[in-house]
Amino acid sequence: MSLVIYAALAVSVALGALRRYSASPLTGAGFFGVNGPLATLCLNVVNICVKGMLAGLAAGGMILLDAWRALFVVGPLDALTAFFSFALDAGTLVHKQGLGMAVFHVGLSLCLSIGSSAFCCWLVRMPS
């Protein structure tokens, strides 16, 4: 890998970390009653939607150079659509809000992530 790709990854991961860190205070506790899960859910759904769009564009022939892929896809979308944050939030919900709220969070996250990915991929490939 070239230094340009490493630099792109470093910048994008740093920006992604700042985005994830700032999202929790911005979204607050929401209907989960605990800071964190709503922010993780929102960021994961947005990230998977963007990846769905990129997948649709790539399937349509768009070419994304490695450095741009590192800057816009791998860093902010892969590195910080953190399964760890998702798992930590689910565990926090079990302890603070009960198993039912944790199962609801997991189910909602899966449904919205799969649905938004499919929809966004379809959206960019939709015939004009």
N, C-alpha and C. Protein backbone atom coordinates (compact mmCIF):
# COMPACT_ATOMS: atom_id res chain seq x y z
N MET A 1 0.85 -1.19 0.00
CA MET A 1 0.00 0.00 0.00
C MET A 1 0.88 1.23 0.00
N SER A 2 0.40 2.26 -0.66
CA SER A 2 1.19 3.48 -0.75
C SER A 2 0.94 4.38 0.46
N LEU A 3 1.83 5.35 0.63
CA LEU A 3 1.68 6.32 1.72
C LEU A 3 0.41 7.14 1.56
N VAL A 4 -0.01 7.38 0.34
CA VAL A 4 -1.23 8.14 0.10
C VAL A 4 -2.44 7.39 0.67
N ILE A 5 -2.47 6.09 0.48
CA ILE A 5 -3.59 5.30 1.01
C ILE A 5 -3.55 5.28 2.54
N TYR A 6 -2.36 5.13 3.12
CA TYR A 6 -2.24 5.17 4.58
C TYR A 6 -2.68 6.52 5.12
N ALA A 7 -2.29 7.59 4.46
CA ALA A 7 -2.69 8.94 4.89
C ALA A 7 -4.20 9.11 4.78
N ALA A 8 -4.78 8.62 3.69
CA ALA A 8 -6.23 8.71 3.51
C ALA A 8 -6.96 7.94 4.61
N LEU A 9 -6.44 6.75 4.94
CA LEU A 9 -7.05 5.96 6.02
C LEU A 9 -6.94 6.67 7.36
N ALA A 10 -5.77 7.24 7.65
CA ALA A 10 -5.57 7.94 8.93
C ALA A 10 -6.53 9.11 9.07
N VAL A 11 -6.68 9.90 8.02
CA VAL A 11 -7.58 11.04 8.06
C VAL A 11 -9.03 10.58 8.21
N SER A 12 -9.43 9.60 7.42
CA SER A 12 -10.83 9.18 7.46
C SER A 12 -11.19 8.50 8.78
N VAL A 13 -10.28 7.71 9.34
CA VAL A 13 -10.56 7.06 10.63
C VAL A 13 -10.67 8.12 11.72
N ALA A 14 -9.80 9.12 11.69
CA ALA A 14 -9.87 10.19 12.68
C ALA A 14 -11.20 10.94 12.58
N LEU A 15 -11.61 11.26 11.37
CA LEU A 15 -12.88 11.96 11.19
C LEU A 15 -14.06 11.07 11.58
N GLY A 16 -13.97 9.79 11.26
CA GLY A 16 -15.03 8.85 11.65
C GLY A 16 -15.14 8.73 13.16
N ALA A 17 -14.01 8.72 13.85
CA ALA A 17 -14.03 8.62 15.31
C ALA A 17 -14.66 9.88 15.92
N LEU A 18 -14.33 11.02 15.38
CA LEU A 18 -14.94 12.27 15.86
C LEU A 18 -16.44 12.27 15.61
N ARG A 19 -16.85 11.76 14.45
CA ARG A 19 -18.27 11.69 14.13
C ARG A 19 -19.00 10.78 15.12
N ARG A 20 -18.43 9.62 15.38
CA ARG A 20 -19.07 8.68 16.30
C ARG A 20 -19.10 9.25 17.72
N TYR A 21 -18.01 9.89 18.14
CA TYR A 21 -17.95 10.46 19.49
C TYR A 21 -18.98 11.57 19.66
N SER A 22 -19.16 12.40 18.62
CA SER A 22 -20.10 13.52 18.72
C SER A 22 -21.55 13.10 18.59
N ALA A 23 -21.81 11.96 18.00
CA ALA A 23 -23.20 11.56 17.73
C ALA A 23 -23.98 11.26 19.01
N SER A 24 -23.34 10.68 20.00
CA SER A 24 -24.06 10.29 21.21
C SER A 24 -24.65 11.49 21.94
N PRO A 25 -23.88 12.55 22.21
CA PRO A 25 -24.50 13.70 22.87
C PRO A 25 -25.56 14.38 22.00
N LEU A 26 -25.39 14.32 20.68
CA LEU A 26 -26.36 14.96 19.80
C LEU A 26 -27.70 14.24 19.78
N THR A 27 -27.66 12.91 19.81
CA THR A 27 -28.91 12.15 19.76
C THR A 27 -29.50 11.94 21.14
N GLY A 28 -28.68 11.98 22.17
CA GLY A 28 -29.18 11.76 23.52
C GLY A 28 -29.62 10.32 23.74
N ALA A 29 -30.42 10.12 24.76
CA ALA A 29 -30.84 8.77 25.13
C ALA A 29 -31.93 8.24 24.19
N GLY A 30 -32.74 9.12 23.63
CA GLY A 30 -33.80 8.68 22.74
C GLY A 30 -34.74 7.70 23.43
N PHE A 31 -35.40 6.89 22.65
CA PHE A 31 -36.37 5.97 23.24
C PHE A 31 -35.73 4.77 23.91
N PHE A 32 -34.40 4.61 23.77
CA PHE A 32 -33.73 3.50 24.46
C PHE A 32 -33.47 3.83 25.93
N GLY A 33 -33.46 5.12 26.28
CA GLY A 33 -33.27 5.53 27.66
C GLY A 33 -31.83 5.55 28.14
N VAL A 34 -30.88 5.26 27.26
CA VAL A 34 -29.46 5.24 27.61
C VAL A 34 -28.70 5.90 26.46
N ASN A 35 -27.76 6.79 26.77
CA ASN A 35 -26.94 7.40 25.72
C ASN A 35 -26.11 6.34 25.01
N GLY A 36 -26.04 6.40 23.69
CA GLY A 36 -25.20 5.50 22.92
C GLY A 36 -25.93 4.68 21.88
N PRO A 37 -26.92 3.85 22.29
CA PRO A 37 -27.55 2.97 21.30
C PRO A 37 -28.21 3.70 20.13
N LEU A 38 -28.90 4.81 20.39
CA LEU A 38 -29.55 5.53 19.30
C LEU A 38 -28.52 6.11 18.34
N ALA A 39 -27.43 6.64 18.88
CA ALA A 39 -26.36 7.19 18.03
C ALA A 39 -25.75 6.09 17.16
N THR A 40 -25.45 4.95 17.77
CA THR A 40 -24.87 3.84 17.01
C THR A 40 -25.84 3.36 15.94
N LEU A 41 -27.11 3.24 16.29
CA LEU A 41 -28.11 2.81 15.33
C LEU A 41 -28.18 3.78 14.15
N CYS A 42 -28.26 5.07 14.43
CA CYS A 42 -28.34 6.08 13.36
C CYS A 42 -27.11 6.05 12.46
N LEU A 43 -25.93 6.04 13.07
CA LEU A 43 -24.70 6.03 12.28
C LEU A 43 -24.58 4.75 11.45
N ASN A 44 -24.93 3.61 12.03
CA ASN A 44 -24.82 2.36 11.29
C ASN A 44 -25.78 2.33 10.11
N VAL A 45 -27.00 2.84 10.30
CA VAL A 45 -27.95 2.86 9.20
C VAL A 45 -27.48 3.81 8.09
N VAL A 46 -27.00 4.99 8.47
CA VAL A 46 -26.47 5.93 7.46
C VAL A 46 -25.28 5.32 6.74
N ASN A 47 -24.36 4.72 7.50
CA ASN A 47 -23.17 4.12 6.89
C ASN A 47 -23.54 2.99 5.92
N ILE A 48 -24.46 2.13 6.32
CA ILE A 48 -24.82 1.01 5.45
C ILE A 48 -25.59 1.52 4.23
N CYS A 49 -26.34 2.59 4.39
CA CYS A 49 -27.04 3.19 3.26
C CYS A 49 -26.03 3.73 2.24
N VAL A 50 -25.01 4.43 2.73
CA VAL A 50 -23.97 4.95 1.84
C VAL A 50 -23.25 3.80 1.14
N LYS A 51 -22.96 2.73 1.89
CA LYS A 51 -22.30 1.57 1.27
C LYS A 51 -23.21 0.92 0.23
N GLY A 52 -24.52 0.89 0.50
CA GLY A 52 -25.46 0.36 -0.48
C GLY A 52 -25.45 1.19 -1.76
N MET A 53 -25.39 2.50 -1.60
CA MET A 53 -25.33 3.39 -2.76
C MET A 53 -24.04 3.15 -3.55
N LEU A 54 -22.93 3.04 -2.83
CA LEU A 54 -21.65 2.79 -3.50
C LEU A 54 -21.66 1.44 -4.20
N ALA A 55 -22.27 0.44 -3.59
CA ALA A 55 -22.36 -0.88 -4.23
C ALA A 55 -23.18 -0.79 -5.51
N GLY A 56 -24.27 -0.04 -5.45
CA GLY A 56 -25.10 0.14 -6.63
C GLY A 56 -24.36 0.88 -7.74
N LEU A 57 -23.63 1.92 -7.36
CA LEU A 57 -22.85 2.66 -8.35
C LEU A 57 -21.73 1.80 -8.94
N ALA A 58 -21.07 1.01 -8.09
CA ALA A 58 -20.00 0.13 -8.58
C ALA A 58 -20.58 -0.92 -9.52
N ALA A 59 -21.76 -1.44 -9.19
CA ALA A 59 -22.40 -2.42 -10.07
C ALA A 59 -22.77 -1.79 -11.41
N GLY A 60 -23.00 -0.48 -11.39
CA GLY A 60 -23.32 0.24 -12.62
C GLY A 60 -22.10 0.69 -13.40
N GLY A 61 -20.90 0.36 -12.89
CA GLY A 61 -19.68 0.65 -13.63
C GLY A 61 -18.81 1.75 -13.06
N MET A 62 -19.19 2.36 -11.93
CA MET A 62 -18.36 3.41 -11.34
C MET A 62 -17.04 2.81 -10.84
N ILE A 63 -15.96 3.49 -11.11
CA ILE A 63 -14.64 3.04 -10.65
C ILE A 63 -14.18 3.99 -9.55
N LEU A 64 -13.78 3.43 -8.42
CA LEU A 64 -13.32 4.22 -7.28
C LEU A 64 -11.85 3.88 -7.04
N LEU A 65 -10.99 4.88 -7.19
CA LEU A 65 -9.55 4.66 -6.98
C LEU A 65 -9.29 4.23 -5.54
N ASP A 66 -8.21 3.47 -5.32
CA ASP A 66 -7.90 2.93 -3.99
C ASP A 66 -7.80 4.01 -2.92
N ALA A 67 -7.15 5.12 -3.21
CA ALA A 67 -7.00 6.18 -2.21
C ALA A 67 -8.35 6.78 -1.85
N TRP A 68 -9.23 6.97 -2.83
CA TRP A 68 -10.57 7.51 -2.56
C TRP A 68 -11.40 6.49 -1.80
N ARG A 69 -11.22 5.21 -2.13
CA ARG A 69 -11.93 4.16 -1.41
C ARG A 69 -11.50 4.15 0.06
N ALA A 70 -10.20 4.30 0.29
CA ALA A 70 -9.69 4.34 1.66
C ALA A 70 -10.24 5.55 2.41
N LEU A 71 -10.29 6.69 1.73
CA LEU A 71 -10.72 7.93 2.38
C LEU A 71 -12.21 7.92 2.68
N PHE A 72 -13.03 7.45 1.74
CA PHE A 72 -14.47 7.58 1.90
C PHE A 72 -15.21 6.31 2.30
N VAL A 73 -14.61 5.15 2.09
CA VAL A 73 -15.33 3.90 2.37
C VAL A 73 -14.71 3.16 3.56
N VAL A 74 -13.47 2.76 3.45
CA VAL A 74 -12.87 1.90 4.46
C VAL A 74 -12.78 2.60 5.81
N GLY A 75 -12.22 3.80 5.84
CA GLY A 75 -12.05 4.50 7.12
C GLY A 75 -13.35 4.80 7.83
N PRO A 76 -14.17 5.68 7.26
CA PRO A 76 -15.36 6.07 8.01
C PRO A 76 -16.47 5.03 8.02
N LEU A 77 -16.55 4.20 7.03
CA LEU A 77 -17.68 3.27 6.98
C LEU A 77 -17.34 1.90 7.54
N ASP A 78 -16.18 1.34 7.22
CA ASP A 78 -15.84 0.01 7.72
C ASP A 78 -15.25 0.06 9.12
N ALA A 79 -14.26 0.90 9.30
CA ALA A 79 -13.55 0.90 10.58
C ALA A 79 -14.44 1.35 11.73
N LEU A 80 -15.39 2.23 11.46
CA LEU A 80 -16.15 2.77 12.58
C LEU A 80 -17.64 2.49 12.51
N THR A 81 -18.08 1.62 11.63
CA THR A 81 -19.43 1.08 11.76
C THR A 81 -19.19 -0.10 12.69
N ALA A 82 -18.80 0.26 13.89
CA ALA A 82 -18.17 -0.68 14.79
C ALA A 82 -19.15 -1.68 15.36
N PHE A 83 -18.88 -2.93 15.06
CA PHE A 83 -19.67 -3.99 15.69
C PHE A 83 -19.46 -3.95 17.19
N PHE A 84 -18.27 -3.51 17.60
CA PHE A 84 -18.00 -3.40 19.03
C PHE A 84 -18.97 -2.42 19.68
N SER A 85 -19.18 -1.25 19.06
CA SER A 85 -20.13 -0.27 19.62
C SER A 85 -21.52 -0.87 19.69
N PHE A 86 -21.90 -1.57 18.64
CA PHE A 86 -23.22 -2.21 18.59
C PHE A 86 -23.35 -3.22 19.73
N ALA A 87 -22.36 -4.07 19.90
CA ALA A 87 -22.41 -5.09 20.95
C ALA A 87 -22.39 -4.45 22.34
N LEU A 88 -21.56 -3.42 22.51
CA LEU A 88 -21.49 -2.72 23.79
C LEU A 88 -22.83 -2.07 24.12
N ASP A 89 -23.45 -1.45 23.13
CA ASP A 89 -24.76 -0.84 23.36
C ASP A 89 -25.81 -1.88 23.74
N ALA A 90 -25.79 -3.01 23.05
CA ALA A 90 -26.75 -4.07 23.38
C ALA A 90 -26.53 -4.57 24.80
N GLY A 91 -25.28 -4.75 25.19
CA GLY A 91 -24.98 -5.18 26.55
C GLY A 91 -25.39 -4.15 27.59
N THR A 92 -25.17 -2.88 27.28
CA THR A 92 -25.58 -1.81 28.19
C THR A 92 -27.09 -1.81 28.36
N LEU A 93 -27.80 -2.01 27.25
CA LEU A 93 -29.26 -2.05 27.34
C LEU A 93 -29.75 -3.23 28.18
N VAL A 94 -29.10 -4.38 28.06
CA VAL A 94 -29.50 -5.53 28.88
C VAL A 94 -29.39 -5.16 30.36
N HIS A 95 -28.28 -4.52 30.74
CA HIS A 95 -28.04 -4.21 32.15
C HIS A 95 -28.89 -3.05 32.65
N LYS A 96 -29.14 -2.05 31.81
CA LYS A 96 -29.83 -0.85 32.29
C LYS A 96 -31.32 -0.81 31.96
N GLN A 97 -31.72 -1.44 30.87
CA GLN A 97 -33.12 -1.35 30.44
C GLN A 97 -33.80 -2.71 30.33
N GLY A 98 -33.03 -3.78 30.38
CA GLY A 98 -33.61 -5.11 30.32
C GLY A 98 -33.40 -5.78 28.97
N LEU A 99 -33.61 -7.08 28.97
CA LEU A 99 -33.38 -7.89 27.78
C LEU A 99 -34.31 -7.49 26.63
N GLY A 100 -35.55 -7.16 26.94
CA GLY A 100 -36.50 -6.80 25.89
C GLY A 100 -36.04 -5.60 25.07
N MET A 101 -35.54 -4.56 25.73
CA MET A 101 -35.07 -3.37 25.02
C MET A 101 -33.82 -3.70 24.21
N ALA A 102 -32.96 -4.56 24.73
CA ALA A 102 -31.75 -4.96 23.98
C ALA A 102 -32.14 -5.75 22.73
N VAL A 103 -33.08 -6.67 22.85
CA VAL A 103 -33.54 -7.44 21.69
C VAL A 103 -34.19 -6.51 20.67
N PHE A 104 -34.97 -5.54 21.14
CA PHE A 104 -35.59 -4.56 20.25
C PHE A 104 -34.53 -3.79 19.49
N HIS A 105 -33.48 -3.35 20.19
CA HIS A 105 -32.37 -2.60 19.56
C HIS A 105 -31.67 -3.44 18.50
N VAL A 106 -31.37 -4.68 18.82
CA VAL A 106 -30.70 -5.57 17.87
C VAL A 106 -31.58 -5.81 16.65
N GLY A 107 -32.85 -6.10 16.87
CA GLY A 107 -33.77 -6.35 15.76
C GLY A 107 -33.95 -5.12 14.88
N LEU A 108 -34.14 -3.96 15.52
CA LEU A 108 -34.30 -2.73 14.77
C LEU A 108 -33.04 -2.41 13.97
N SER A 109 -31.88 -2.60 14.57
CA SER A 109 -30.61 -2.35 13.87
C SER A 109 -30.47 -3.24 12.64
N LEU A 110 -30.77 -4.52 12.80
CA LEU A 110 -30.64 -5.45 11.67
C LEU A 110 -31.63 -5.11 10.56
N CYS A 111 -32.88 -4.89 10.92
CA CYS A 111 -33.91 -4.59 9.91
C CYS A 111 -33.60 -3.30 9.17
N LEU A 112 -33.26 -2.24 9.90
CA LEU A 112 -32.97 -0.96 9.25
C LEU A 112 -31.69 -1.04 8.41
N SER A 113 -30.69 -1.74 8.89
CA SER A 113 -29.44 -1.85 8.12
C SER A 113 -29.64 -2.61 6.83
N ILE A 114 -30.28 -3.77 6.90
CA ILE A 114 -30.51 -4.57 5.69
C ILE A 114 -31.46 -3.83 4.74
N GLY A 115 -32.50 -3.26 5.29
CA GLY A 115 -33.46 -2.53 4.46
C GLY A 115 -32.87 -1.30 3.79
N SER A 116 -32.09 -0.52 4.54
CA SER A 116 -31.52 0.69 3.95
C SER A 116 -30.45 0.35 2.91
N SER A 117 -29.70 -0.70 3.14
CA SER A 117 -28.70 -1.11 2.15
C SER A 117 -29.37 -1.51 0.84
N ALA A 118 -30.39 -2.34 0.95
CA ALA A 118 -31.10 -2.79 -0.25
C ALA A 118 -31.77 -1.61 -0.96
N PHE A 119 -32.42 -0.73 -0.20
CA PHE A 119 -33.11 0.40 -0.79
C PHE A 119 -32.13 1.35 -1.49
N CYS A 120 -31.02 1.66 -0.83
CA CYS A 120 -30.07 2.61 -1.41
C CYS A 120 -29.36 2.03 -2.63
N CYS A 121 -29.09 0.74 -2.60
CA CYS A 121 -28.52 0.09 -3.78
C CYS A 121 -29.51 0.16 -4.94
N TRP A 122 -30.79 -0.13 -4.66
CA TRP A 122 -31.83 -0.05 -5.68
C TRP A 122 -31.99 1.38 -6.18
N LEU A 123 -31.92 2.35 -5.27
CA LEU A 123 -32.14 3.76 -5.59
C LEU A 123 -31.15 4.27 -6.63
N VAL A 124 -29.88 3.94 -6.46
CA VAL A 124 -28.88 4.43 -7.41
C VAL A 124 -28.85 3.64 -8.71
N ARG A 125 -29.46 2.46 -8.72
CA ARG A 125 -29.49 1.64 -9.94
C ARG A 125 -30.82 1.75 -10.66
N MET A 126 -31.77 2.48 -10.08
CA MET A 126 -33.10 2.63 -10.63
C MET A 126 -33.01 3.27 -12.02
N PRO A 127 -33.74 2.71 -12.98
CA PRO A 127 -33.71 3.30 -14.32
C PRO A 127 -34.33 4.70 -14.31
N SER A 128 -33.77 5.59 -15.11
CA SER A 128 -34.26 6.97 -15.15
C SER A 128 -35.56 7.08 -15.89
